[in-house]
């Protein structure tokens, strides 16, 4: 049985073609898999589990259909959907993963993370990340009205675009020392993450052992995913 990994779909009502591709993937290749791991930024903006946005509700129903069909679905929060909570998981049948999470596939210990925590050179972003992941801040945000949350999310996206337009490329990519530290702390030599929108396979050596890091791409362009089956892990274009 295979496992699929994807991240950074950034599902948005203004880009229905991405949701269509994702729904085809859920109804097709993912149905034959043992598990599907969604490693953050499934949505462009998720302002709370109580948001009635019809496009998002359609995605929730499609994920629930996959889970009902027998595929194990795991979801991890990203920087755009950090408010995913228990109601979302109950509605989709998905299990919420910590970030980072450690899993074992075919005897291989694997680190899963969204990846934004590895971009330690971007100090401004790391300050923001720590703030929005603070439970008291999350609770305060969830007490706001939906209109207020949507407005703040829009302002945050605009600020993110401005920041990315002016930041050096190395700042918005992972820091090699942070990657090595996570490998070492987890006692693993395989890692899968997204966030940077730079799909690739990176080989390195950590404490004398070969290590491999798979970076998932976003779904606006190539829609890269990772399939892990009897032949091992492979980064490839989304078959849907």
Foldseek 3Di string as FASTA:
>chain_A
DKEKEAEAQQDDPVCVVSVVLVLCLLVPVQLPHQEYEYAENNHVADLAPPDVPPSVVVSLVSLLVSVVSRHAYEYEYYPRYLRDDDSSCVSRVHHYDDAFDWDADPNAIETEHQAQVQLVLQVVVVVVVVQCNPVVNSVVSVPDDPVVSVVVSVVVVVVVVVCVVPDDLSSLHGDVVSVLVVCVVSVHQEYEHERSQPFDKDWDAHPRHIHIYGYHHYSPPQRWMWMQDPVGIDIDGRPD
